[in-house]
C-alpha cells in the first residue's frame, strides 16, 4: 500500500510538472510602446504640435543587459505614426531599425534609421516644407531614462528627407519632442 501511495504521488507530481510550462527566458517580440508630442525645429516648415506613436519589436533578441557590442548587434524594429495638429504639418507612417545602448544607471541612448511615407507638401512654397517626394529616409536620435523596468521618458530629435537622390526640392523635416515609453 505504501508503494502504491508513493507511485500515485509521483504520478500526480509528474502530471503537475507537465501541465504548467516552465517560465520563458526568451524576449517578447512586441517589446515597447511609446507615445508623445514633437514639434518642428524649423519655424518656417510646420506649425503646431505633432502627436507621435511608436511601437518597437524585438525579433533579433536585443538584450538591454548585454554588453554594448551585443546590444548593437541586435537592433529592434520600429513602426510609428505622426499626426500634425495644423494643415502644414505632414502626417507620417514610418518604420526601420532601432539600436539602443543602455547603462546600469537607467539612462540609455538610441539611434534609428528607416523610411517613411507622408502626405505633406511636395513643391508648394506656401504650404509647409517642400519635400519633393512622398517616400523619404527617416533617422532619429534619442536620450532617455528608465524609471523602472517598464516606464521611460525620451527626448528625441528626428529628421526626414530624401538625401538629394531625387531631382526636386528637398527641404526635409526636423522635429524634436518627448516620448513616454512602456516596455512589456
C-alpha atoms as a PDB file:
ATOM      1  CA  UNK A   1       0.000   0.000   0.000  1.00  0.00           C
ATOM      2  CA  UNK A   2       2.880   2.355   0.800  1.00  0.00           C
ATOM      3  CA  UNK A   3       4.395   1.663  -2.616  1.00  0.00           C
ATOM      4  CA  UNK A   4       1.110   2.389  -4.434  1.00  0.00           C
ATOM      5  CA  UNK A   5       0.695   5.665  -2.493  1.00  0.00           C
ATOM      6  CA  UNK A   6       4.251   6.700  -3.405  1.00  0.00           C
ATOM      7  CA  UNK A   7       3.655   5.847  -7.083  1.00  0.00           C
ATOM      8  CA  UNK A   8       0.369   7.800  -7.078  1.00  0.00           C
ATOM      9  CA  UNK A   9       2.090  10.823  -5.512  1.00  0.00           C
ATOM     10  CA  UNK A  10       4.935  10.579  -8.011  1.00  0.00           C
ATOM     11  CA  UNK A  11       2.453  10.313 -10.893  1.00  0.00           C
ATOM     12  CA  UNK A  12       0.468  13.364  -9.744  1.00  0.00           C
ATOM     13  CA  UNK A  13       3.685  15.372  -9.274  1.00  0.00           C
ATOM     14  CA  UNK A  14       4.777  14.445 -12.798  1.00  0.00           C
ATOM     15  CA  UNK A  15       1.370  15.424 -14.184  1.00  0.00           C
ATOM     16  CA  UNK A  16       1.562  18.767 -12.380  1.00  0.00           C
ATOM     17  CA  UNK A  17       5.024  19.363 -13.841  1.00  0.00           C
ATOM     18  CA  UNK A  18       3.716  18.706 -17.355  1.00  0.00           C
ATOM     19  CA  UNK A  19       0.613  20.902 -17.014  1.00  0.00           C
ATOM     20  CA  UNK A  20       2.445  24.152 -16.163  1.00  0.00           C
ATOM     21  CA  UNK A  21       5.065  25.262 -18.683  1.00  0.00           C
ATOM     22  CA  UNK A  22       8.397  26.497 -17.362  1.00  0.00           C
ATOM     23  CA  UNK A  23       8.973  30.254 -17.318  1.00  0.00           C
ATOM     24  CA  UNK A  24      10.271  31.587 -20.616  1.00  0.00           C
ATOM     25  CA  UNK A  25      13.629  33.350 -20.860  1.00  0.00           C
ATOM     26  CA  UNK A  26      13.046  34.320 -24.492  1.00  0.00           C
ATOM     27  CA  UNK A  27      12.428  38.015 -25.162  1.00  0.00           C
ATOM     28  CA  UNK A  28       8.951  39.148 -26.142  1.00  0.00           C
ATOM     29  CA  UNK A  29       8.589  40.076 -29.811  1.00  0.00           C
ATOM     30  CA  UNK A  30       6.267  43.043 -29.084  1.00  0.00           C
ATOM     31  CA  UNK A  31       8.681  44.944 -26.895  1.00  0.00           C
ATOM     32  CA  UNK A  32       7.689  48.566 -26.261  1.00  0.00           C
ATOM     33  CA  UNK A  33       5.032  51.212 -26.913  1.00  0.00           C
ATOM     34  CA  UNK A  34       5.862  54.932 -27.000  1.00  0.00           C
ATOM     35  CA  UNK A  35       3.695  57.999 -27.373  1.00  0.00           C
ATOM     36  CA  UNK A  36       4.397  61.695 -27.147  1.00  0.00           C
ATOM     37  CA  UNK A  37       4.484  65.129 -28.728  1.00  0.00           C
ATOM     38  CA  UNK A  38       7.012  66.642 -31.133  1.00  0.00           C
ATOM     39  CA  UNK A  39       7.270  69.913 -32.986  1.00  0.00           C
ATOM     40  CA  UNK A  40       9.220  71.282 -35.923  1.00  0.00           C
ATOM     41  CA  UNK A  41      12.576  72.865 -35.140  1.00  0.00           C
ATOM     42  CA  UNK A  42      12.311  74.749 -38.443  1.00  0.00           C
ATOM     43  CA  UNK A  43       9.844  77.591 -37.785  1.00  0.00           C
ATOM     44  CA  UNK A  44       9.171  78.165 -41.484  1.00  0.00           C
ATOM     45  CA  UNK A  45       8.259  74.496 -42.116  1.00  0.00           C
ATOM     46  CA  UNK A  46       5.454  73.269 -39.880  1.00  0.00           C
ATOM     47  CA  UNK A  47       3.331  74.967 -37.257  1.00  0.00           C
ATOM     48  CA  UNK A  48       1.774  73.341 -34.198  1.00  0.00           C
ATOM     49  CA  UNK A  49       2.437  70.139 -32.335  1.00  0.00           C
ATOM     50  CA  UNK A  50       2.604  66.615 -33.718  1.00  0.00           C
ATOM     51  CA  UNK A  51       1.226  63.571 -31.875  1.00  0.00           C
ATOM     52  CA  UNK A  52       3.529  60.557 -32.202  1.00  0.00           C
ATOM     53  CA  UNK A  53       3.012  56.847 -31.532  1.00  0.00           C
ATOM     54  CA  UNK A  54       5.808  54.290 -31.935  1.00  0.00           C
ATOM     55  CA  UNK A  55       5.916  50.531 -31.384  1.00  0.00           C
ATOM     56  CA  UNK A  56       9.112  48.504 -31.114  1.00  0.00           C
ATOM     57  CA  UNK A  57       9.510  44.791 -31.828  1.00  0.00           C
ATOM     58  CA  UNK A  58      12.369  42.541 -30.733  1.00  0.00           C
ATOM     59  CA  UNK A  59      12.689  39.659 -33.222  1.00  0.00           C
ATOM     60  CA  UNK A  60      16.519  39.654 -33.157  1.00  0.00           C
ATOM     61  CA  UNK A  61      16.995  39.080 -29.406  1.00  0.00           C
ATOM     62  CA  UNK A  62      18.031  42.537 -28.170  1.00  0.00           C
ATOM     63  CA  UNK A  63      19.127  42.231 -24.517  1.00  0.00           C
ATOM     64  CA  UNK A  64      19.416  45.504 -22.545  1.00  0.00           C
ATOM     65  CA  UNK A  65      21.736  43.833 -20.016  1.00  0.00           C
ATOM     66  CA  UNK A  66      24.198  42.632 -22.664  1.00  0.00           C
ATOM     67  CA  UNK A  67      27.482  44.409 -23.371  1.00  0.00           C
ATOM     68  CA  UNK A  68      27.499  47.268 -25.887  1.00  0.00           C
ATOM     69  CA  UNK A  69      28.639  45.073 -28.797  1.00  0.00           C
ATOM     70  CA  UNK A  70      25.796  42.633 -28.153  1.00  0.00           C
ATOM     71  CA  UNK A  71      23.269  45.478 -27.900  1.00  0.00           C
ATOM     72  CA  UNK A  72      24.418  46.976 -31.229  1.00  0.00           C
ATOM     73  CA  UNK A  73      24.401  43.556 -32.929  1.00  0.00           C
ATOM     74  CA  UNK A  74      20.689  43.075 -32.106  1.00  0.00           C
ATOM     75  CA  UNK A  75      18.606  46.041 -33.302  1.00  0.00           C
ATOM     76  CA  UNK A  76      14.864  46.254 -32.736  1.00  0.00           C
ATOM     77  CA  UNK A  77      12.286  47.043 -35.424  1.00  0.00           C
ATOM     78  CA  UNK A  78      10.202  50.198 -35.053  1.00  0.00           C
ATOM     79  CA  UNK A  79       6.962  51.345 -36.676  1.00  0.00           C
ATOM     80  CA  UNK A  80       5.292  54.639 -35.977  1.00  0.00           C
ATOM     81  CA  UNK A  81       2.847  57.333 -36.970  1.00  0.00           C
ATOM     82  CA  UNK A  82       2.842  61.116 -36.590  1.00  0.00           C
ATOM     83  CA  UNK A  83      -0.233  63.297 -36.957  1.00  0.00           C
ATOM     84  CA  UNK A  84       0.086  67.078 -37.089  1.00  0.00           C
ATOM     85  CA  UNK A  85      -2.360  69.493 -35.475  1.00  0.00           C
ATOM     86  CA  UNK A  86      -2.255  72.030 -38.346  1.00  0.00           C
ATOM     87  CA  UNK A  87      -2.644  71.822 -42.120  1.00  0.00           C
ATOM     88  CA  UNK A  88       1.087  72.459 -42.690  1.00  0.00           C
ATOM     89  CA  UNK A  89       2.215  69.508 -40.540  1.00  0.00           C
ATOM     90  CA  UNK A  90       2.539  66.311 -42.578  1.00  0.00           C
ATOM     91  CA  UNK A  91       1.010  63.036 -41.437  1.00  0.00           C
ATOM     92  CA  UNK A  92       3.608  60.249 -41.482  1.00  0.00           C
ATOM     93  CA  UNK A  93       3.884  56.474 -41.310  1.00  0.00           C
ATOM     94  CA  UNK A  94       7.423  55.217 -40.746  1.00  0.00           C
ATOM     95  CA  UNK A  95       9.454  52.137 -39.964  1.00  0.00           C
ATOM     96  CA  UNK A  96      13.014  50.940 -39.642  1.00  0.00           C
ATOM     97  CA  UNK A  97      15.665  49.622 -37.270  1.00  0.00           C
ATOM     98  CA  UNK A  98      16.498  50.928 -33.787  1.00  0.00           C
ATOM     99  CA  UNK A  99      19.806  50.472 -31.961  1.00  0.00           C
ATOM    100  CA  UNK A 100      19.715  51.033 -28.193  1.00  0.00           C
ATOM    101  CA  UNK A 101      22.626  51.294 -25.744  1.00  0.00           C
ATOM    102  CA  UNK A 102      21.670  51.014 -22.079  1.00  0.00           C
ATOM    103  CA  UNK A 103      23.619  51.713 -18.917  1.00  0.00           C
ATOM    104  CA  UNK A 104      23.184  50.356 -15.415  1.00  0.00           C
ATOM    105  CA  UNK A 105      22.269  53.860 -14.176  1.00  0.00           C
ATOM    106  CA  UNK A 106      18.930  53.794 -16.040  1.00  0.00           C
ATOM    107  CA  UNK A 107      19.988  56.108 -18.871  1.00  0.00           C
ATOM    108  CA  UNK A 108      20.037  54.922 -22.455  1.00  0.00           C
ATOM    109  CA  UNK A 109      20.715  56.338 -25.898  1.00  0.00           C
ATOM    110  CA  UNK A 110      19.168  55.308 -29.142  1.00  0.00           C
ATOM    111  CA  UNK A 111      19.529  55.740 -32.897  1.00  0.00           C
ATOM    112  CA  UNK A 112      17.064  54.713 -35.573  1.00  0.00           C
ATOM    113  CA  UNK A 113      17.128  54.565 -39.359  1.00  0.00           C
ATOM    114  CA  UNK A 114      14.448  53.688 -41.881  1.00  0.00           C
ATOM    115  CA  UNK A 115      11.962  55.264 -44.230  1.00  0.00           C
ATOM    116  CA  UNK A 116       8.602  56.948 -44.116  1.00  0.00           C
ATOM    117  CA  UNK A 117       5.723  57.953 -46.329  1.00  0.00           C
ATOM    118  CA  UNK A 118       3.836  61.207 -45.780  1.00  0.00           C
ATOM    119  CA  UNK A 119       1.004  63.357 -47.112  1.00  0.00           C
ATOM    120  CA  UNK A 120       2.952  66.623 -46.823  1.00  0.00           C
ATOM    121  CA  UNK A 121       3.704  69.355 -49.300  1.00  0.00           C
ATOM    122  CA  UNK A 122       5.923  68.397 -52.222  1.00  0.00           C
ATOM    123  CA  UNK A 123       6.519  71.674 -54.079  1.00  0.00           C
ATOM    124  CA  UNK A 124       4.164  74.481 -52.901  1.00  0.00           C
ATOM    125  CA  UNK A 125       6.188  77.247 -51.238  1.00  0.00           C
ATOM    126  CA  UNK A 126       3.208  78.480 -49.200  1.00  0.00           C
ATOM    127  CA  UNK A 127       2.138  75.227 -47.539  1.00  0.00           C
ATOM    128  CA  UNK A 128       4.814  73.732 -45.292  1.00  0.00           C
ATOM    129  CA  UNK A 129       8.144  72.200 -46.260  1.00  0.00           C
ATOM    130  CA  UNK A 130       8.864  71.318 -49.890  1.00  0.00           C
ATOM    131  CA  UNK A 131       9.629  67.621 -49.500  1.00  0.00           C
ATOM    132  CA  UNK A 132       9.994  66.628 -53.171  1.00  0.00           C
ATOM    133  CA  UNK A 133       8.552  63.106 -52.953  1.00  0.00           C
ATOM    134  CA  UNK A 134       6.285  61.059 -50.691  1.00  0.00           C
ATOM    135  CA  UNK A 135       8.856  58.393 -49.690  1.00  0.00           C
ATOM    136  CA  UNK A 136      11.742  59.709 -47.580  1.00  0.00           C
ATOM    137  CA  UNK A 137      14.531  58.467 -45.330  1.00  0.00           C
ATOM    138  CA  UNK A 138      13.848  58.777 -41.603  1.00  0.00           C
ATOM    139  CA  UNK A 139      16.511  58.863 -38.891  1.00  0.00           C
ATOM    140  CA  UNK A 140      16.395  59.756 -35.217  1.00  0.00           C
ATOM    141  CA  UNK A 141      18.491  60.097 -32.069  1.00  0.00           C
ATOM    142  CA  UNK A 142      17.177  59.810 -28.533  1.00  0.00           C
ATOM    143  CA  UNK A 143      18.359  60.143 -24.953  1.00  0.00           C
ATOM    144  CA  UNK A 144      16.197  58.531 -22.304  1.00  0.00           C
ATOM    145  CA  UNK A 145      15.827  57.472 -18.717  1.00  0.00           C
ATOM    146  CA  UNK A 146      14.207  54.259 -17.433  1.00  0.00           C
ATOM    147  CA  UNK A 147      12.227  54.996 -14.263  1.00  0.00           C
ATOM    148  CA  UNK A 148      11.735  51.264 -13.659  1.00  0.00           C
ATOM    149  CA  UNK A 149      11.655  48.077 -15.734  1.00  0.00           C
ATOM    150  CA  UNK A 150       8.600  49.312 -17.657  1.00  0.00           C
ATOM    151  CA  UNK A 151       8.418  53.141 -17.871  1.00  0.00           C
ATOM    152  CA  UNK A 152      10.783  55.575 -19.595  1.00  0.00           C
ATOM    153  CA  UNK A 153      10.928  59.163 -20.834  1.00  0.00           C
ATOM    154  CA  UNK A 154      12.806  60.005 -24.045  1.00  0.00           C
ATOM    155  CA  UNK A 155      13.949  63.267 -25.605  1.00  0.00           C
ATOM    156  CA  UNK A 156      14.120  62.636 -29.333  1.00  0.00           C
ATOM    157  CA  UNK A 157      15.101  64.506 -32.483  1.00  0.00           C
ATOM    158  CA  UNK A 158      14.249  63.077 -35.895  1.00  0.00           C
ATOM    159  CA  UNK A 159      14.932  64.138 -39.453  1.00  0.00           C
ATOM    160  CA  UNK A 160      13.406  63.093 -42.751  1.00  0.00           C
ATOM    161  CA  UNK A 161      14.499  63.845 -46.311  1.00  0.00           C
ATOM    162  CA  UNK A 162      15.414  62.007 -49.486  1.00  0.00           C
ATOM    163  CA  UNK A 163      19.142  62.859 -49.283  1.00  0.00           C
ATOM    164  CA  UNK A 164      19.100  64.628 -52.672  1.00  0.00           C
ATOM    165  CA  UNK A 165      18.622  61.319 -54.516  1.00  0.00           C
ATOM    166  CA  UNK A 166      15.662  62.773 -56.419  1.00  0.00           C
ATOM    167  CA  UNK A 167      15.624  65.792 -58.738  1.00  0.00           C
ATOM    168  CA  UNK A 168      13.404  68.274 -56.914  1.00  0.00           C
ATOM    169  CA  UNK A 169      13.073  70.263 -53.716  1.00  0.00           C
ATOM    170  CA  UNK A 170      14.430  68.633 -50.550  1.00  0.00           C
ATOM    171  CA  UNK A 171      13.667  70.930 -47.617  1.00  0.00           C
ATOM    172  CA  UNK A 172      13.341  67.961 -45.262  1.00  0.00           C
ATOM    173  CA  UNK A 173      11.638  67.919 -41.868  1.00  0.00           C
ATOM    174  CA  UNK A 174      13.293  68.001 -38.469  1.00  0.00           C
ATOM    175  CA  UNK A 175      11.217  67.534 -35.318  1.00  0.00           C
ATOM    176  CA  UNK A 176      12.076  67.288 -31.635  1.00  0.00           C
ATOM    177  CA  UNK A 177       9.989  66.284 -28.642  1.00  0.00           C
ATOM    178  CA  UNK A 178       9.310  63.995 -25.703  1.00  0.00           C
ATOM    179  CA  UNK A 179       8.044  60.417 -25.751  1.00  0.00           C
ATOM    180  CA  UNK A 180       6.812  58.281 -22.859  1.00  0.00           C
ATOM    181  CA  UNK A 181       7.644  54.592 -23.214  1.00  0.00           C
ATOM    182  CA  UNK A 182       6.179  51.424 -21.721  1.00  0.00           C
ATOM    183  CA  UNK A 183       8.124  48.149 -22.033  1.00  0.00           C
ATOM    184  CA  UNK A 184       6.212  44.866 -21.911  1.00  0.00           C
END
